[in-house]
């Protein structure tokens, strides 16, 4: 073989090796730019709410044969999380009632309202001890007196919400002691004064919320039917509400220790006589990895370069 043929063959092999190295070097870089960045976000809880109120009134007060209508919308110790209050007295002032002087709506020995929220739970809680509620037109007679009432609404992430109310001790309505029944309504009527309907321990829950009230009163009072101060509306004692925080998504458990080494698979012996199967796109089934396409590309370059070298060598010999 002539020196010219040897020189051409060496140059051809050199170009083939250089091209293959370039393909293999570029492969990982191309792969790295093709993989999208992992999405990140806030996986913590949130959205929890809680509220509590010791007393809330929604009353309409009519004076002088309904010629004057004055609403009585008051609340004692109404809080939203995170907050608490322990004020034990509530007074109000209505034009035309009591000469315009403040009158007592509620007095109690204990009047607590508390609302708390964190990433895992939300809770509203209220407590009343030895409490008396008054409405306009009845300065000396309490609308209702209770020994002790409590309400709690608890909402925890991923758990069923809980609503509870308790009425302990005696209950007196318009001067009459009454026995309350759970799940029903108790009606109290006092001649020449008025009528009160009481619902005991009202609670409700959904998959994420809870609400409770120890006593809910519907009031219709017209003292001596003189139409001096007719009072109609609703009164709620010891109310609590909550909404559960959003549950954080569960994280995939991470394996302990390093990744076990995969066994090295022997390369299959190619049977040149047998027909070659069609190539499949799923590299995982053939034992290939992310660099397989680049190795194949390099091999194609080598084969092409080798074929070119053989052709040039034969041409050189024929000239010689």
Foldseek 3Di string as FASTA:
>chain_A
DDPVLVVLLVVLLVVLVVVLVVLLVCLVVVVVVVDDDDDDDDLFWDDKKKKKFFKWWFKWKAADLNPDIDTDTDTHFIDIPQDKDWDFWDWDFDPLFPPRDIATAKGFPTWIWGWYDDRFKTKTKIKTAFMFGPDTPCRPWTQKTAHMKMWMWMFGAPDWIDTWIDGDDWMAGRRRTDDDDAPDKDKDADPQWFIKIKHAWDKDGDRFKIKTFGIKMFTFTQHNVPRRITMTGIMTGIIMMMGYIYHRDDDDDDDPDDDDDDDDDDDDDDDPVDDDDDDDPDVVVVVDDSSVVSNVVSVVSSVVSVVVSVVSSVVVVVVD
